[in-house]
Protein backbone atom coordinates (compact mmCIF):
# COMPACT_ATOMS: atom_id res chain seq x y z
CA MET A 1 0.18 -0.10 0.19
CA PHE A 2 1.41 3.14 -0.81
CA GLY A 3 0.89 6.20 1.24
CA ALA A 4 1.16 6.09 5.46
CA GLY A 5 -1.36 8.72 6.19
CA HIS A 6 -4.83 8.68 7.52
CA LEU A 7 -6.52 7.53 4.22
CA ALA A 8 -4.89 4.34 4.93
CA VAL A 9 -5.45 4.07 8.53
CA THR A 10 -9.01 4.11 7.99
CA PHE A 11 -8.81 1.94 4.93
CA LEU A 12 -6.98 -0.63 6.50
CA SER A 13 -9.14 -0.42 9.72
CA VAL A 14 -12.23 -0.48 7.72
CA MET A 15 -11.28 -3.27 5.47
CA GLU A 16 -9.49 -5.51 8.07
CA ILE A 17 -6.82 -6.70 5.85
CA SER A 18 -4.13 -6.03 7.25
CA ASP A 19 -2.80 -9.60 7.27
CA LEU A 20 -2.72 -9.50 3.30
CA ILE A 21 -0.53 -6.12 3.20
CA GLU A 22 3.40 -6.53 3.34
CA PHE A 23 4.34 -3.07 4.06
CA VAL A 24 3.03 0.58 3.46
CA VAL A 25 5.31 2.68 1.14
CA ASP A 26 5.57 6.61 2.25
CA ASP A 27 8.90 8.05 1.03
CA ASN A 28 8.63 11.30 3.73
CA PRO A 29 11.88 10.31 5.31
CA ASN A 30 10.28 11.35 8.85
CA LYS A 31 8.02 8.12 8.10
CA ASN A 32 10.66 5.66 6.86
CA GLY A 33 11.31 2.80 9.68
CA LEU A 34 8.57 3.53 11.50
CA PHE A 35 5.06 1.57 11.89
CA MET A 36 1.27 2.18 11.25
CA PRO A 37 -0.83 2.43 14.46
CA LEU A 38 -3.13 -0.28 14.79
CA ASP A 39 -1.70 -3.01 13.17
CA GLY A 40 1.61 -2.50 12.91
CA LEU A 41 2.55 -2.88 9.34
CA PRO A 42 6.18 -1.37 8.59
CA ILE A 43 6.16 1.92 6.48
CA ARG A 44 9.26 1.85 3.84
CA ALA A 45 10.30 3.86 0.84
CA SER A 46 9.02 3.16 -2.60
CA LYS A 47 12.59 1.24 -3.81
CA PHE A 48 11.00 -1.74 -2.01
CA LEU A 49 8.43 -2.50 -4.79
CA THR A 50 10.57 -3.77 -6.82
CA SER A 51 13.77 -5.50 -4.79
CA GLU A 52 10.68 -7.38 -2.52
CA TYR A 53 8.71 -8.36 -5.55
CA ILE A 54 5.27 -7.21 -4.89
CA SER A 55 2.49 -7.35 -7.64
CA LEU A 56 0.21 -5.26 -6.06
CA CYS A 57 0.02 -1.84 -4.81
CA LEU A 58 -3.25 -0.11 -3.42
CA LEU A 59 -2.73 3.93 -3.54
CA SER A 60 -4.16 5.35 -0.51
CA LEU A 61 -3.60 8.87 -2.04
CA ASN A 62 -5.89 11.28 -3.11
CA SER A 63 -6.51 11.28 -6.92
CA GLN A 64 -4.17 14.70 -7.29
CA ASN A 65 -1.39 12.62 -5.99
CA GLN A 66 -1.96 9.35 -7.69
CA SER A 67 -0.98 10.27 -11.13
CA MET A 68 2.52 11.62 -9.68
CA VAL A 69 3.29 8.62 -8.04
CA ILE A 70 2.58 6.26 -10.65
CA ALA A 71 4.22 8.13 -13.26
CA SER A 72 8.19 8.46 -10.58
CA ASN A 73 7.65 4.81 -10.00
CA HIS A 74 7.15 3.68 -13.55
CA ARG A 75 10.14 0.35 -12.63
CA PHE A 76 7.62 -1.03 -10.65
CA ASN A 77 4.95 -1.19 -13.63
CA GLU A 78 7.69 -2.09 -16.17
CA SER A 79 9.09 -5.07 -13.53
CA GLY A 80 4.69 -6.15 -13.96
CA GLY A 81 4.01 -4.18 -10.82
CA VAL A 82 0.67 -3.02 -10.97
CA PHE A 83 -1.20 -0.02 -9.11
CA SER A 84 -4.84 0.39 -7.99
CA SER A 85 -6.37 2.73 -5.65
CA ILE A 86 -8.34 2.15 -3.03
CA PHE A 87 -11.18 4.34 -4.63
CA PHE A 88 -10.78 2.17 -7.86
CA TRP A 89 -14.52 2.65 -8.33
CA LEU A 90 -15.10 6.07 -7.40
CA PHE A 91 -11.91 7.41 -8.81
CA GLU A 92 -12.04 5.34 -12.41
CA LEU A 93 -15.40 5.97 -13.38
CA SER A 94 -15.53 9.79 -12.79
CA ARG A 95 -12.60 10.02 -14.91
CA ARG A 96 -14.06 8.27 -17.43
CA GLY A 97 -17.21 10.08 -17.56
CA CYS A 98 -19.58 8.62 -15.77
CA SER A 99 -22.19 11.44 -14.38
CA MET A 100 -23.95 9.41 -11.66
CA ASN A 101 -23.45 9.84 -8.01
CA PHE A 102 -23.08 6.92 -6.06
CA ARG A 103 -21.10 5.23 -3.45
CA LEU A 104 -19.28 1.71 -3.00
CA GLU A 105 -21.38 -1.20 -0.77
CA SER A 106 -19.43 -4.11 -1.85
CA GLY A 107 -17.18 -5.96 -4.28
CA ALA A 108 -18.40 -4.86 -7.50
CA ALA A 109 -21.69 -3.19 -6.49
CA LEU A 110 -22.36 0.58 -6.61
CA TYR A 111 -25.47 2.53 -5.64
CA ALA A 112 -26.96 5.41 -7.20
CA ILE A 113 -27.50 8.24 -4.83
CA ASP A 114 -29.40 10.47 -6.79
CA LEU A 115 -32.84 11.28 -5.95
CA VAL A 116 -33.96 10.20 -9.60
CA PRO A 117 -30.75 8.06 -11.13
CA ALA A 118 -30.75 8.46 -15.01
CA PHE A 119 -28.32 6.97 -16.77
CA THR A 120 -27.01 7.88 -19.74
CA LYS A 121 -24.71 6.58 -22.77
CA ALA A 122 -21.70 8.46 -21.23
CA ASP A 123 -22.02 6.53 -18.07
CA VAL A 124 -23.06 3.03 -19.54
CA SER A 125 -19.68 3.39 -21.61
CA ALA A 126 -17.87 4.45 -18.49
CA LEU A 127 -19.36 0.94 -17.01
CA VAL A 128 -17.54 -0.95 -20.22
CA LYS A 129 -14.15 0.57 -19.31
CA ASN A 130 -14.47 -0.06 -15.99
CA ALA A 131 -15.84 -3.86 -16.41
CA LYS A 132 -12.98 -4.18 -18.62
CA THR A 133 -9.98 -3.44 -16.19
CA ASN A 134 -11.33 -4.65 -12.93
CA VAL A 135 -10.29 -8.34 -12.09
CA ARG A 136 -13.95 -10.17 -12.00
CA GLY A 137 -14.59 -8.14 -15.38
CA ARG A 138 -17.97 -6.93 -13.98
CA ILE A 139 -19.71 -4.29 -12.21
CA ARG A 140 -23.54 -3.24 -11.37
CA ILE A 141 -24.86 0.41 -10.54
CA CYS A 142 -27.93 -0.45 -8.13
CA THR A 143 -30.87 2.30 -8.47
CA HIS A 144 -32.28 0.80 -5.09
CA VAL A 145 -31.29 2.50 -2.00
CA ASN A 146 -30.08 -0.97 -0.21
CA SER A 147 -30.14 -4.68 -0.17
CA LEU A 148 -33.35 -4.13 1.88
CA ALA A 149 -35.53 -2.56 -0.59
CA ALA A 150 -38.68 -3.98 -2.22
CA VAL A 151 -37.69 -3.44 -5.70
CA HIS A 152 -34.08 -4.08 -7.08
CA GLU A 153 -33.09 -2.47 -10.06
CA MET A 154 -29.49 -2.99 -11.48
CA LEU A 155 -27.64 -1.55 -14.42
CA ILE A 156 -24.83 -4.74 -14.92
CA VAL A 157 -22.13 -4.75 -17.40
CA HIS A 158 -20.28 -8.26 -17.70
CA THR A 159 -17.08 -9.17 -20.01
CA ARG A 160 -16.59 -12.20 -22.38
CA GLU A 161 -14.83 -13.88 -19.42
CA CYS A 162 -16.62 -13.02 -16.74
CA TYR A 163 -18.61 -16.49 -15.19
CA VAL A 164 -21.87 -16.39 -13.93
CA ARG A 165 -22.14 -19.23 -11.44
CA PRO A 166 -25.49 -21.66 -12.49
CA HIS A 167 -28.23 -20.70 -9.64
CA LEU A 168 -31.59 -19.83 -8.91
CA HIS A 169 -33.85 -17.94 -6.43
CA ASN A 170 -35.92 -18.78 -4.44
CA GLY A 171 -39.26 -17.08 -3.73
CA LYS A 172 -38.23 -14.88 -6.12
CA ASP A 173 -39.85 -13.15 -9.33
CA GLU A 174 -37.00 -11.32 -11.77
CA SER A 175 -36.70 -10.06 -15.26
CA LEU A 176 -33.36 -9.13 -17.69
CA THR A 177 -33.41 -6.64 -20.21
CA ILE A 178 -30.53 -6.69 -22.96
CA ILE A 179 -28.94 -3.28 -23.78
CA GLU A 180 -26.08 -4.00 -25.34
CA GLY A 181 -24.29 -7.01 -26.78
CA GLU A 182 -25.30 -11.17 -26.75
CA ALA A 183 -25.87 -13.61 -24.38
CA ASP A 184 -27.10 -17.23 -24.68
CA ALA A 185 -29.36 -17.56 -21.41
CA LEU A 186 -29.18 -21.05 -20.34
CA PHE A 187 -31.90 -23.10 -18.09
CA MET A 188 -30.91 -26.19 -16.66
CA HIS A 189 -32.62 -28.85 -14.66
CA GLU A 190 -31.25 -29.96 -10.65
CA THR A 191 -29.08 -32.31 -12.72
CA GLY A 192 -27.06 -29.68 -14.84
CA GLU A 193 -28.59 -30.74 -18.11
CA ILE A 194 -29.97 -27.93 -20.10
CA SER A 195 -33.61 -27.65 -20.51
CA ARG A 196 -33.68 -24.25 -22.32
CA VAL A 197 -31.52 -21.90 -24.52
CA ILE A 198 -32.85 -18.30 -25.26
CA GLN A 199 -30.55 -16.85 -27.29
CA MET A 200 -30.79 -12.88 -26.34
CA GLY A 201 -29.37 -9.51 -27.76
CA GLU A 202 -30.40 -6.01 -27.90
CA PHE A 203 -33.59 -4.65 -29.73
CA ARG A 204 -32.28 -3.44 -32.61
CA THR A 205 -30.87 -7.78 -33.78
CA GLY A 206 -33.80 -9.27 -33.81
CA ARG A 207 -32.78 -11.88 -31.09
CA THR A 208 -34.82 -12.37 -27.81
CA TRP A 209 -34.07 -8.87 -25.46
CA GLN A 210 -35.99 -9.72 -22.14
CA TYR A 211 -37.29 -12.76 -20.15
CA ARG A 212 -38.90 -12.50 -17.24
CA LEU A 213 -38.88 -15.53 -14.14
CA SER A 214 -41.70 -16.22 -12.01
CA THR A 215 -40.81 -19.70 -10.76
CA PRO A 216 -37.18 -20.54 -9.31
CA GLU A 217 -35.16 -21.86 -12.24
CA ILE A 218 -31.39 -22.58 -12.15
CA HIS A 219 -30.01 -20.55 -14.65
CA THR A 220 -27.03 -18.81 -16.34
CA LEU A 221 -25.60 -16.73 -19.13
CA LEU A 222 -22.57 -17.12 -21.71
CA ILE A 223 -21.95 -13.82 -23.15
CA ARG A 224 -21.17 -14.25 -26.43
CA SER A 225 -20.23 -10.33 -27.20
CA GLU A 226 -17.02 -8.65 -26.05
CA TYR A 227 -19.30 -6.97 -23.29
CA LEU A 228 -22.58 -7.25 -22.30
CA VAL A 229 -24.63 -4.93 -20.63
CA PHE A 230 -28.25 -5.55 -19.15
CA PHE A 231 -30.94 -4.77 -16.51
CA GLU A 232 -31.99 -6.87 -14.33
CA VAL A 233 -35.49 -6.31 -12.08
CA THR A 234 -36.50 -8.55 -8.78
CA ASN A 235 -38.39 -8.23 -6.06
CA GLY A 236 -36.22 -7.96 -2.09
CA PRO A 237 -34.86 -7.79 0.26
CA ILE A 238 -32.04 -10.05 -0.31
CA ILE A 239 -31.44 -12.91 1.83
CA ARG A 240 -28.41 -15.08 0.94
CA GLU A 241 -30.18 -17.84 1.55
CA GLN A 242 -32.82 -17.89 -1.13
CA THR A 243 -29.85 -18.31 -3.61
CA VAL A 244 -29.18 -21.71 -4.20
CA PHE A 245 -25.71 -22.90 -6.21
CA PRO A 246 -25.90 -26.61 -7.26
CA GLU A 247 -23.24 -28.44 -5.89
CA TRP A 248 -22.14 -29.39 -9.55
CA ALA A 249 -21.64 -25.78 -10.57
CA PRO A 250 -17.94 -24.83 -9.71
CA ALA A 251 -17.49 -21.76 -7.65
CA ASP A 252 -15.97 -18.69 -8.49
CA SER A 253 -12.51 -19.59 -7.33
CA ASP A 254 -12.47 -23.22 -8.29
CA SER A 255 -9.49 -24.03 -10.91
CA LYS A 256 -12.49 -25.87 -13.09
CA ILE A 257 -14.16 -23.04 -14.24
CA LYS A 258 -12.94 -22.74 -18.01
CA GLU A 259 -13.38 -26.05 -18.57
CA TYR A 260 -16.68 -26.63 -17.27
CA LEU A 261 -17.52 -23.25 -19.49
CA THR A 262 -16.05 -24.92 -22.24
CA ASP A 263 -18.08 -27.86 -21.58
CA LEU A 264 -21.41 -25.63 -21.22
CA ASP A 265 -20.53 -23.85 -24.75
CA ALA A 266 -20.43 -27.19 -26.54
CA ARG A 267 -23.73 -28.25 -24.80
CA SER A 268 -25.35 -25.19 -25.72
CA LYS A 269 -24.85 -25.18 -28.87
CA GLU A 270 -25.80 -28.69 -29.11
CA TRP A 271 -29.17 -27.96 -27.39
CA LEU A 272 -29.71 -25.68 -30.15
CA ALA A 273 -28.67 -27.55 -32.95
CA VAL A 274 -31.07 -30.09 -32.32
CA ASN A 275 -33.92 -27.70 -30.86
CA SER A 276 -33.68 -24.96 -33.16
């Protein structure tokens, strides 16, 4: 982590990730050799980023200083290191033209805080650029107030590489509307066998552009375009226990995801060949 100031202290305290941080970087000679409060992380000079073979450095700096630090530590980038701001979502989205005001809730979920959330083409473009560069290849902006809201509405972007783990929602109605891109919506039996495939695309493509589920059914998406922008609506509140993942569906961290997706892609095409 770069920056041994109040931003770093607050971030580490709130996120509780000190055990994942090797040391804190600060080129202020008065701080070198000292330790961070609360967690005792050592404070070192920026030269240690390369000598200690650090691969990821979080920037706990204001936006004005971030570009300056990145430029002055080009050797870290050249050696394969990556800088990422602790304000990544807010900083990157505003820099890329997103006009909406929002707050970061968790992971890749943002909540619009405008009284009347309204999306523009520039907002969608900013989200797409962000999804292409973040680790999970996805991002969403929720227009509902919080997870307890009666109705949940989300603008979502997934890149082609994004894995949507097959799942079902008990006690939920939900709809999905394609805004940009193409995808196959796959519906499955409890055994994992495909029961239905809907080839989806934005309205102008002539493909199915919306579906609605009113009963629990295992489903997933195979993204067919470079990225997919869609709008999803469901009833709240969100209760984790209502989302069920079959045992045969690899978890997000499973090393067999690529193998599973390759098999799923083949089975999807086979189903379409037989049933189209």
